[in-house]
Protein backbone atom coordinates (compact mmCIF):
# COMPACT_ATOMS: atom_id res chain seq x y z
CA MET A 1 10.61 26.98 -21.65
CA SER A 2 8.04 24.42 -20.62
CA ALA A 3 4.37 25.45 -20.46
CA LEU A 4 3.96 23.05 -17.54
CA SER A 5 5.89 24.00 -14.45
CA ARG A 6 7.58 21.75 -11.96
CA ASP A 7 4.80 22.70 -9.53
CA ASP A 8 2.18 21.51 -12.04
CA VAL A 9 3.89 18.11 -12.24
CA ALA A 10 4.16 17.95 -8.44
CA HIS A 11 0.44 18.71 -8.18
CA VAL A 12 -0.50 15.97 -10.67
CA ALA A 13 1.81 13.53 -8.86
CA MET A 14 0.17 14.42 -5.54
CA LEU A 15 -3.29 13.81 -7.03
CA ALA A 16 -2.11 10.43 -8.34
CA ARG A 17 -0.47 9.69 -4.98
CA ILE A 18 2.94 9.26 -6.63
CA GLN A 19 6.05 10.32 -4.75
CA LEU A 20 8.66 11.88 -7.04
CA THR A 21 12.17 13.06 -6.34
CA ASP A 22 13.34 16.55 -7.35
CA GLU A 23 15.21 15.07 -10.33
CA GLU A 24 12.10 13.18 -11.47
CA LEU A 25 9.98 16.34 -11.21
CA ASP A 26 12.45 18.26 -13.37
CA ARG A 27 12.64 15.49 -15.99
CA LEU A 28 8.90 14.79 -16.06
CA ALA A 29 7.98 18.46 -16.44
CA GLY A 30 9.50 18.49 -19.92
CA GLN A 31 8.15 15.05 -20.82
CA LEU A 32 4.61 15.87 -19.72
CA ASP A 33 4.76 19.14 -21.64
CA GLN A 34 5.72 17.18 -24.79
CA ILE A 35 2.82 14.76 -24.27
CA VAL A 36 0.37 17.64 -23.90
CA GLY A 37 1.79 19.16 -27.09
CA TRP A 38 1.30 15.90 -29.00
CA VAL A 39 -2.29 15.63 -27.80
CA GLY A 40 -2.81 19.19 -29.02
CA GLN A 41 -1.47 18.22 -32.45
CA ILE A 42 -3.89 15.30 -32.62
CA ASN A 43 -6.77 17.60 -31.70
CA GLU A 44 -5.81 19.91 -34.58
CA VAL A 45 -5.92 17.02 -37.06
CA ALA A 46 -9.21 15.55 -35.82
CA ALA A 47 -11.95 16.26 -38.34
CA GLN A 48 -15.58 16.82 -37.46
CA ASP A 49 -16.70 14.02 -39.80
CA VAL A 50 -14.47 11.40 -38.10
CA PRO A 51 -16.22 9.86 -35.09
CA PRO A 52 -14.17 9.37 -31.91
CA MET A 53 -13.09 5.79 -31.29
CA SER A 54 -11.47 3.83 -28.50
CA HIS A 55 -9.59 1.45 -30.81
CA PRO A 56 -8.35 1.78 -34.40
CA LEU A 57 -9.61 -1.68 -35.37
CA PRO A 58 -13.16 -3.00 -34.96
CA LEU A 59 -13.43 -5.26 -31.96
CA THR A 60 -15.72 -8.25 -31.68
CA ASN A 61 -16.86 -10.22 -28.69
CA VAL A 62 -15.09 -13.58 -28.72
CA THR A 63 -16.89 -15.18 -25.81
CA ARG A 64 -18.86 -18.34 -26.36
CA ALA A 65 -22.57 -18.68 -25.80
CA ASP A 66 -23.69 -19.93 -22.40
CA GLU A 67 -24.71 -23.56 -22.56
CA VAL A 68 -25.84 -25.81 -19.74
CA ARG A 69 -23.39 -28.70 -19.49
CA PRO A 70 -22.81 -31.45 -16.95
CA SER A 71 -20.65 -30.30 -14.06
CA LEU A 72 -19.59 -31.31 -10.58
CA THR A 73 -22.13 -31.75 -7.83
CA ALA A 74 -21.68 -29.67 -4.69
CA GLU A 75 -20.36 -32.74 -2.86
CA GLN A 76 -17.80 -33.45 -5.58
CA ALA A 77 -16.64 -29.84 -5.70
CA LEU A 78 -16.27 -29.65 -1.91
CA SER A 79 -14.66 -33.10 -1.54
CA GLY A 80 -11.12 -31.65 -1.53
CA ALA A 81 -11.89 -28.59 0.57
CA PRO A 82 -10.22 -28.38 3.98
CA GLU A 83 -13.50 -27.15 5.47
CA ALA A 84 -17.04 -26.72 4.15
CA ALA A 85 -20.31 -25.48 5.64
CA GLN A 86 -23.80 -25.43 4.12
CA GLN A 87 -22.51 -26.64 0.73
CA ARG A 88 -19.98 -23.79 0.55
CA PHE A 89 -16.22 -23.46 0.97
CA SER A 90 -15.43 -22.25 4.47
CA VAL A 91 -12.52 -19.81 4.67
CA PRO A 92 -11.05 -17.72 7.50
CA ARG A 93 -12.64 -14.33 8.02
CA ILE A 94 -10.33 -11.50 6.93
CA LEU A 95 -12.65 -8.50 7.31
CA ASP A 96 -14.36 -7.39 10.49
CA GLU A 97 -18.05 -6.64 10.36
CA GLU A 98 -18.87 -3.46 12.21
């Protein structure tokens, strides 16, 4: 018997705004219960002297340093634009201001 009921899965799906069929609710109830069980097993193994981590390998920042380099002038950048105004690309408004 699953510790998570079909109603629990339906509630989580509603919170996530996911529409599920009756068959999906039945199938996912067992799957979600297994996932919760596995997380519980991991919590049992976790030792107090092991710090929590978001990734098993150390991550480094691979971005380059910012350097000023020659680039296009505003006129060059806007030369192919269908429409420009005040040294900016002019695009159709898609949001109303209220």
